[in-house]
Amino acid sequence: MCGSKFRYLFGGFLTSIIFLSWALFPRTASHFVKAYPLLIVSFDGFRWDYLKRTATPNFDDIIKTGVHAYKGLTNVFTTSTLTNHWSIVTGLYAESHGIVENDMYDPELNKTYVPLYKDKYAKNDPRFYDTGVEPIWVTNQLQNTHGRSGSIMWWGAENVIKSTRPTHHMPWDLKTDYKFRIDTMIKWFTSEYPINLGLLYFNEPDHTAHACGPASENVTKLIGYADELTGYLINRLKEKNLFGYINVIITSDHGFAPTSKNQLIHLDDIVDPSLYRVVHYSPVLSLIPLGGQETYVYKKLKEASRTHNFTVYYKNEIPQRLHYRNNRRVTPIVAIADLTYSFISKMSDDEFKLAGTHGYDNKEQDMHPFFMATGPSFKSGFQVETFKSVDLYPLMCHLLDLHPAPNNGSMDIVSLLLKEEHETTFITLVTYLVSLVIIATFGGVFAVGACRNRRYLKRTARPINVSEILGGNNGAHIGLLSGDEEDEF
């Protein structure tokens, strides 16, 4: 039958057109079958303005050929290491992901979290991290059948999340050589079964800024060393023909501020320390009042805050802009020291040793970390002023062609960092295929018209009079044309 055969041929024709479009335009289709590998690098405590302190030729090259947030990132409160490393990979604020500080107490678990930098052998309950959130390596490995991830000391990656851990993981250890960390990451990207996502952590210049202060010459030297390590990383990528093929994001968790023995807040002079338990001391003071003393402890702190350099809140009073109060791990009373001030208890001024710290209100510019990126998906020599660190997770998902889990981030600003061709791949492909379908449809309409016209001609053609040809006189008409139900295709 003409109709059935036409449908069969039209379907085959359209399928062939689509197949040829993918074969002839692989770059247009590549967004759906292959995403560029992604490497995230974190230099702990690298403040947004550290690049102005000393020569950084390798960072400068990335800024020149890639993208840069010239006023750094607005990170999340508290501006601490564990909180922000977890926000980077989940796109969530602290109240949403639950890593509310480096030190935490969970009343439901009735357990206190001990960070690895205090005890590298600490065995914390995995439920501190496995709260239903989804870090980028879990997203990568659950959605992509060929998704493999590698973590070098990234905070939180030692935990099982949604029954998943990174394919490769190097445990946290300060003694591990920095260049060895880079070499290991390169090995994972070039192995027989390569990773497509890497997370690489360095604990400097944070470690030195705590000991010597962020304005110290020691930190200046560490900034230069971070640049040297970045140059080493780029050279290793070039050696393995990965540079220009892999997207590299370089960022940090927080900035830094100096502290001083002249800017101390003596808790013991404000309220009796036997009336509360401290979960975290400074610059964010997290208190659990004991023996029904919550109102009294709060009142004493509130009175002192009028003449001292801090602000105190009941949990439900914490400003909504901090995205902090709606989590059970946030203590009933929280006090936040003003920038450069510190809480101390059960020690004298001479015993106070901190020279620099972080954790302050994330509205403080000194708490903001730096950001730059380079690779085939990013523009060249493009800058934005700032964006939120929670925006990094949806950006990572976009670069890896993944559907992001629920998060607090946005693509509004970070999409500006991307090359137009990467942003419009989907639109380009759909537009192209729609055009092909329209062309094929017009072709199909023409074919249908031709088929119907053929039928019409068959029906209206004059039958042959056999008797006239053979000289007979019975007047019989014999139709030699096939009936309308026959199909000549």
Foldseek 3Di string as FASTA:
>chain_A
DLVVVLVVVLVVVLVVVLVVCCVVCVVLVCLPVFFFFEEEEAAAAAALPLPVLDDQVQVVQQLQFAEWQNLFALEAFQLAAQQQLQLLFQLAHCLVQQCRYCWWAFPVVRDIDHHCVVPVPDDDDLCSGQVPTAGNLNLQVVPDVLAAEEEECRRPQVHQHPNDHGNYYHHDDLPDDQVVQLVVLLCQQPDPSHHRYYYHYDHPPVVVCFQPNCVDVVNSVRVNVVSVSSVSNQVSCVVVVNAQRYKYKYKYRWHKAFADLVFEDEVVVQDPPVQWDWRDFPQKTAIAGPDPCVVVSQVSVCVVVVVHFKDKDQLVRPDVVNVRSNHSRRHRMIMHGDTRHGYDYPDDSVPDRTGMDGRHDSVDSRTGMIIGMDHNFFGGNYYHNYYHSSQNNVVVCLSRVGDRDDHDHDCPPVVVGTDPCSVCSVVVSVVVSVVSVVVSVVVSVVSVVVQVVVLVCLVPPDFDQVCVVVVHDPRDTDHPDDDSVDDDD
